[in-house]
Amino acid sequence: MCTSHTTPHFLPTFLDLASAPKPVQRMLGQSFLPQLMGEDGPAKPWVHVEYRDDRLIRTKEWIYTNKDKLMNAKAC
């Protein structure tokens, strides 16, 4: 499983695409619309990914899973 997408970032991105106001409640994630438009945008040094019973933290170099596996991300 090698992925760098996380769903919390989709809502802020869709809101930006629609020029919709941000909700009053705090949202997890940040819009990646600037990157879709070919511009520089905010970046995190890591992402947290959940899929069914699997969870992982991924950096550019490493992937650590909830099953105590540490993998080299560059090999994926």
C-alpha atoms as a PDB file:
ATOM      1  CA  MET A   1       0.000   0.000   0.000  1.00  0.00           C
ATOM      2  CA  CYS A   2       1.828   3.113  -1.209  1.00  0.00           C
ATOM      3  CA  THR A   3      -0.363   6.193  -1.276  1.00  0.00           C
ATOM      4  CA  SER A   4       0.029   9.823  -0.337  1.00  0.00           C
ATOM      5  CA  HIS A   5      -3.623  10.884  -0.467  1.00  0.00           C
ATOM      6  CA  THR A   6      -5.713  11.487   2.599  1.00  0.00           C
ATOM      7  CA  THR A   7      -9.400  12.349   2.557  1.00  0.00           C
ATOM      8  CA  PRO A   8      -9.359  15.278   5.064  1.00  0.00           C
ATOM      9  CA  HIS A   9      -7.706  17.399   2.373  1.00  0.00           C
ATOM     10  CA  PHE A  10     -10.505  16.935  -0.172  1.00  0.00           C
ATOM     11  CA  LEU A  11     -13.182  19.035   1.598  1.00  0.00           C
ATOM     12  CA  PRO A  12     -11.021  22.185   1.881  1.00  0.00           C
ATOM     13  CA  THR A  13      -9.940  21.713  -1.737  1.00  0.00           C
ATOM     14  CA  PHE A  14     -13.521  21.339  -2.998  1.00  0.00           C
ATOM     15  CA  LEU A  15     -14.570  24.419  -1.002  1.00  0.00           C
ATOM     16  CA  ASP A  16     -11.749  26.400  -2.603  1.00  0.00           C
ATOM     17  CA  LEU A  17     -12.733  25.148  -6.079  1.00  0.00           C
ATOM     18  CA  ALA A  18     -16.331  26.260  -5.503  1.00  0.00           C
ATOM     19  CA  SER A  19     -15.287  29.576  -3.878  1.00  0.00           C
ATOM     20  CA  ALA A  20     -17.522  28.496  -1.001  1.00  0.00           C
ATOM     21  CA  PRO A  21     -17.151  29.892   2.516  1.00  0.00           C
ATOM     22  CA  LYS A  22     -15.279  27.826   5.044  1.00  0.00           C
ATOM     23  CA  PRO A  23     -17.449  26.143   7.695  1.00  0.00           C
ATOM     24  CA  VAL A  24     -17.537  27.611  11.182  1.00  0.00           C
ATOM     25  CA  GLN A  25     -16.307  24.312  12.617  1.00  0.00           C
ATOM     26  CA  ARG A  26     -12.607  23.544  12.521  1.00  0.00           C
ATOM     27  CA  MET A  27     -11.690  21.382   9.529  1.00  0.00           C
ATOM     28  CA  LEU A  28      -8.915  18.852   9.375  1.00  0.00           C
ATOM     29  CA  GLY A  29      -6.735  19.080   6.316  1.00  0.00           C
ATOM     30  CA  GLN A  30      -5.740  21.873   4.008  1.00  0.00           C
ATOM     31  CA  SER A  31      -6.577  22.682   0.435  1.00  0.00           C
ATOM     32  CA  PHE A  32      -4.251  21.348  -2.228  1.00  0.00           C
ATOM     33  CA  LEU A  33      -5.844  23.524  -4.937  1.00  0.00           C
ATOM     34  CA  PRO A  34      -2.634  25.567  -5.412  1.00  0.00           C
ATOM     35  CA  GLN A  35      -0.741  22.395  -6.307  1.00  0.00           C
ATOM     36  CA  LEU A  36      -3.523  21.353  -8.725  1.00  0.00           C
ATOM     37  CA  MET A  37      -3.178  24.735 -10.414  1.00  0.00           C
ATOM     38  CA  GLY A  38       0.594  24.285 -10.774  1.00  0.00           C
ATOM     39  CA  GLU A  39       1.467  26.745  -8.007  1.00  0.00           C
ATOM     40  CA  ASP A  40       3.444  26.329  -4.819  1.00  0.00           C
ATOM     41  CA  GLY A  41       1.289  25.464  -1.860  1.00  0.00           C
ATOM     42  CA  PRO A  42       1.573  24.437   1.770  1.00  0.00           C
ATOM     43  CA  ALA A  43       3.179  21.081   2.351  1.00  0.00           C
ATOM     44  CA  LYS A  44       3.448  18.851   5.386  1.00  0.00           C
ATOM     45  CA  PRO A  45       6.540  16.772   6.108  1.00  0.00           C
ATOM     46  CA  TRP A  46       4.264  13.762   6.744  1.00  0.00           C
ATOM     47  CA  VAL A  47       0.750  12.434   6.072  1.00  0.00           C
ATOM     48  CA  HIS A  48      -1.468  10.146   8.110  1.00  0.00           C
ATOM     49  CA  VAL A  49      -3.404   7.635   5.991  1.00  0.00           C
ATOM     50  CA  GLU A  50      -6.264   5.383   7.116  1.00  0.00           C
ATOM     51  CA  TYR A  51      -7.903   2.705   4.999  1.00  0.00           C
ATOM     52  CA  ARG A  52     -10.195   0.179   6.647  1.00  0.00           C
ATOM     53  CA  ASP A  53      -8.116  -1.340   9.461  1.00  0.00           C
ATOM     54  CA  ASP A  54      -4.799  -0.078   8.121  1.00  0.00           C
ATOM     55  CA  ARG A  55      -3.156   3.140   9.280  1.00  0.00           C
ATOM     56  CA  LEU A  56       0.201   4.588   8.404  1.00  0.00           C
ATOM     57  CA  ILE A  57       2.335   7.669   8.711  1.00  0.00           C
ATOM     58  CA  ARG A  58       4.309   8.516   5.596  1.00  0.00           C
ATOM     59  CA  THR A  59       7.171  10.910   5.001  1.00  0.00           C
ATOM     60  CA  LYS A  60       9.134  11.338   1.784  1.00  0.00           C
ATOM     61  CA  GLU A  61      11.563   8.700   3.003  1.00  0.00           C
ATOM     62  CA  TRP A  62       9.657   6.370   5.347  1.00  0.00           C
ATOM     63  CA  ILE A  63       6.335   4.617   5.898  1.00  0.00           C
ATOM     64  CA  TYR A  64       5.427   3.406   9.397  1.00  0.00           C
ATOM     65  CA  THR A  65       2.300   1.234   9.727  1.00  0.00           C
ATOM     66  CA  ASN A  66       0.034   0.321  12.627  1.00  0.00           C
ATOM     67  CA  LYS A  67       1.351  -3.230  12.180  1.00  0.00           C
ATOM     68  CA  ASP A  68       4.797  -2.118  13.360  1.00  0.00           C
ATOM     69  CA  LYS A  69       6.315  -2.160   9.874  1.00  0.00           C
ATOM     70  CA  LEU A  70       8.854   0.436   8.824  1.00  0.00           C
ATOM     71  CA  MET A  71       9.389   0.620   5.070  1.00  0.00           C
ATOM     72  CA  ASN A  72      11.535   2.717   2.784  1.00  0.00           C
ATOM     73  CA  ALA A  73       9.026   4.909   0.865  1.00  0.00           C
ATOM     74  CA  LYS A  74      11.414   5.339  -2.044  1.00  0.00           C
ATOM     75  CA  ALA A  75      11.123   1.599  -2.749  1.00  0.00           C
ATOM     76  CA  CYS A  76       7.356   1.942  -3.366  1.00  0.00           C
END
